[in-house]
Amino acid sequence: MAAVKWHTYKTAAKRVGRAERTIRHWRLQGMPMGWQTIDGQRTRVVREDILLRHFRLHLAQSPIHQQRMRALRAGRAVS
């Protein structure tokens, strides 16, 4: 079984291509996060599978993403 990968706000934001502020917002909306001590500092961390699940949930609810997917299915160019 693969090792569980943990992300800080910074690495999580980089992983899904969003801002750190977005990751904090997702936490406030209920994304479960834990704590780890990194370099002597307690830091919020999120498991990668939970992060990606939350990211896909937000994509599914995004009207812009839905519009792009409809355009791709119709064969139109997407900018």
Protein backbone atom coordinates (compact mmCIF):
# COMPACT_ATOMS: atom_id res chain seq x y z
CA MET A 1 0.00 0.00 0.00
CA ALA A 2 1.29 3.46 -0.85
CA ALA A 3 2.36 5.82 1.90
CA VAL A 4 -0.08 8.56 2.85
CA LYS A 5 1.04 11.93 1.51
CA TRP A 6 0.37 15.02 3.63
CA HIS A 7 0.28 18.63 2.39
CA THR A 8 0.62 21.97 4.14
CA TYR A 9 -1.45 24.91 2.92
CA LYS A 10 1.35 25.91 0.55
CA THR A 11 1.98 22.47 -0.97
CA ALA A 12 -1.77 21.73 -1.16
CA ALA A 13 -2.38 24.95 -3.07
CA LYS A 14 0.43 24.12 -5.47
CA ARG A 15 -0.85 20.55 -5.93
CA VAL A 16 -4.35 21.63 -7.06
CA GLY A 17 -3.37 24.93 -8.71
CA ARG A 18 -5.24 27.17 -6.31
CA ALA A 19 -4.26 29.89 -3.83
CA GLU A 20 -3.42 29.14 -0.19
CA ARG A 21 -6.39 31.27 0.75
CA THR A 22 -8.65 28.88 -1.18
CA ILE A 23 -7.34 25.92 0.80
CA ARG A 24 -8.02 27.82 4.05
CA HIS A 25 -11.53 28.58 2.80
CA TRP A 26 -12.11 24.89 2.04
CA ARG A 27 -11.01 24.03 5.59
CA LEU A 28 -13.56 26.49 6.97
CA GLN A 29 -16.19 24.83 4.78
CA GLY A 30 -15.44 21.48 6.40
CA MET A 31 -12.44 19.88 4.72
CA PRO A 32 -10.83 17.80 7.50
CA MET A 33 -7.26 18.77 8.36
CA GLY A 34 -4.88 17.66 11.06
CA TRP A 35 -1.76 18.94 12.76
CA GLN A 36 1.90 17.99 12.35
CA THR A 37 5.07 19.45 13.82
CA ILE A 38 7.34 20.59 10.99
CA ASP A 39 10.69 22.19 11.94
CA GLY A 40 9.43 22.71 15.49
CA GLN A 41 6.28 24.52 14.32
CA ARG A 42 2.78 23.07 14.55
CA THR A 43 1.34 23.20 11.06
CA ARG A 44 -2.04 22.36 9.55
CA VAL A 45 -1.86 19.46 7.10
CA VAL A 46 -4.32 17.65 4.84
CA ARG A 47 -4.10 14.18 3.34
CA GLU A 48 -3.72 14.20 -0.44
CA ASP A 49 -6.73 11.98 -1.09
CA ILE A 50 -8.99 14.27 0.96
CA LEU A 51 -7.57 17.34 -0.79
CA LEU A 52 -8.20 15.87 -4.24
CA ARG A 53 -11.72 14.74 -3.29
CA HIS A 54 -12.54 18.26 -2.13
CA PHE A 55 -10.99 19.72 -5.30
CA ARG A 56 -13.13 17.47 -7.53
CA LEU A 57 -16.22 18.42 -5.54
CA HIS A 58 -15.57 22.10 -6.18
CA LEU A 59 -14.91 21.47 -9.87
CA ALA A 60 -18.21 19.63 -10.17
CA GLN A 61 -20.01 22.62 -8.63
CA SER A 62 -18.20 25.28 -10.68
CA PRO A 63 -20.36 26.87 -13.41
CA ILE A 64 -17.25 27.91 -15.34
CA HIS A 65 -15.85 24.38 -15.30
CA GLN A 66 -19.22 23.00 -16.41
CA GLN A 67 -19.34 25.48 -19.30
CA ARG A 68 -15.86 24.43 -20.41
CA MET A 69 -16.78 20.75 -20.27
CA ARG A 70 -19.95 21.36 -22.33
CA ALA A 71 -17.87 23.24 -24.91
CA LEU A 72 -15.34 20.39 -25.10
CA ARG A 73 -18.10 17.82 -25.58
CA ALA A 74 -19.63 19.96 -28.34
CA GLY A 75 -16.22 20.19 -30.07
CA ARG A 76 -15.85 23.93 -29.64
CA ALA A 77 -12.56 25.60 -28.77
CA VAL A 78 -12.14 26.61 -25.13
CA SER A 79 -10.04 29.60 -24.17
